[in-house]
């Protein structure tokens, strides 16, 4: 997947996640808290910081943060 496509998918994820509130997932006490961190990582990636890629991959791994807050929604 190329960088532009990944960033577009992450923006879709942010849009979807913005519809959720509450919940719990490991280090995040709410969907809003996870949203803030995800938005921050997307901004870093947009500015060329590839150090966030491993964390983003983990967040979207089955049974991790994305699944905990949103469920099985395809981007």
Protein backbone atom coordinates (compact mmCIF):
# COMPACT_ATOMS: atom_id res chain seq x y z
CA UNK A 1 0.00 0.00 0.00
CA UNK A 2 1.37 3.40 -0.88
CA UNK A 3 1.61 6.25 1.61
CA UNK A 4 -1.17 8.35 0.03
CA UNK A 5 -3.60 5.43 0.07
CA UNK A 6 -2.73 4.62 3.68
CA UNK A 7 -3.27 8.21 4.76
CA UNK A 8 -6.63 8.30 2.94
CA UNK A 9 -7.70 5.12 4.74
CA UNK A 10 -6.59 6.56 8.07
CA UNK A 11 -8.68 9.68 7.45
CA UNK A 12 -11.67 7.41 6.77
CA UNK A 13 -10.91 5.66 10.06
CA UNK A 14 -10.86 9.00 11.87
CA UNK A 15 -14.23 9.90 10.36
CA UNK A 16 -15.73 6.58 11.46
CA UNK A 17 -14.16 6.73 14.92
CA UNK A 18 -15.47 10.27 15.47
CA UNK A 19 -18.98 8.76 15.60
CA UNK A 20 -18.12 6.68 18.68
CA UNK A 21 -17.88 7.58 22.35
CA UNK A 22 -17.11 5.82 25.59
CA UNK A 23 -15.89 2.25 25.72
CA UNK A 24 -12.56 0.89 26.89
CA UNK A 25 -9.52 -0.71 25.24
CA UNK A 26 -6.39 -1.43 27.20
CA UNK A 27 -4.61 1.90 27.48
CA UNK A 28 -7.61 3.94 26.29
CA UNK A 29 -10.51 4.77 28.59
CA UNK A 30 -12.71 6.03 25.74
CA UNK A 31 -13.10 6.19 21.98
CA UNK A 32 -12.53 9.94 22.22
CA UNK A 33 -9.14 9.41 23.82
CA UNK A 34 -8.17 6.89 21.13
CA UNK A 35 -9.40 9.31 18.45
CA UNK A 36 -7.06 12.03 19.72
CA UNK A 37 -4.04 9.73 19.62
CA UNK A 38 -4.97 8.35 16.21
CA UNK A 39 -5.39 11.87 14.80
CA UNK A 40 -1.99 12.81 16.23
CA UNK A 41 -0.30 9.78 14.60
CA UNK A 42 -1.97 10.46 11.26
CA UNK A 43 -0.69 14.04 11.35
CA UNK A 44 2.81 12.80 12.13
CA UNK A 45 2.64 10.34 9.24
CA UNK A 46 1.45 13.10 6.91
CA UNK A 47 4.56 15.07 7.88
CA UNK A 48 6.86 12.16 7.04
CA UNK A 49 7.30 10.57 10.47
CA UNK A 50 7.33 6.85 9.70
CA UNK A 51 8.07 5.99 13.33
CA UNK A 52 4.30 5.83 13.93
CA UNK A 53 3.70 3.00 11.44
CA UNK A 54 4.31 0.14 13.89
CA UNK A 55 1.92 1.64 16.43
CA UNK A 56 -0.74 2.22 13.77
CA UNK A 57 -0.40 -1.35 12.59
CA UNK A 58 -0.88 -2.62 16.13
CA UNK A 59 -3.98 -0.47 16.68
CA UNK A 60 -5.66 -1.97 13.60
CA UNK A 61 -4.70 -5.57 14.35
CA UNK A 62 -7.72 -7.77 15.12
CA UNK A 63 -8.75 -7.65 18.80
CA UNK A 64 -6.86 -4.40 19.39
CA UNK A 65 -8.04 -0.78 19.72
CA UNK A 66 -9.89 -0.42 16.42
CA UNK A 67 -11.87 -3.61 16.99
CA UNK A 68 -12.54 -2.74 20.62
CA UNK A 69 -14.09 0.63 19.80
CA UNK A 70 -15.49 0.23 16.30
CA UNK A 71 -15.76 -3.47 15.60
CA UNK A 72 -15.41 -5.16 12.26
CA UNK A 73 -15.88 -2.18 9.93
CA UNK A 74 -13.89 -2.23 6.70
CA UNK A 75 -12.20 0.91 5.53
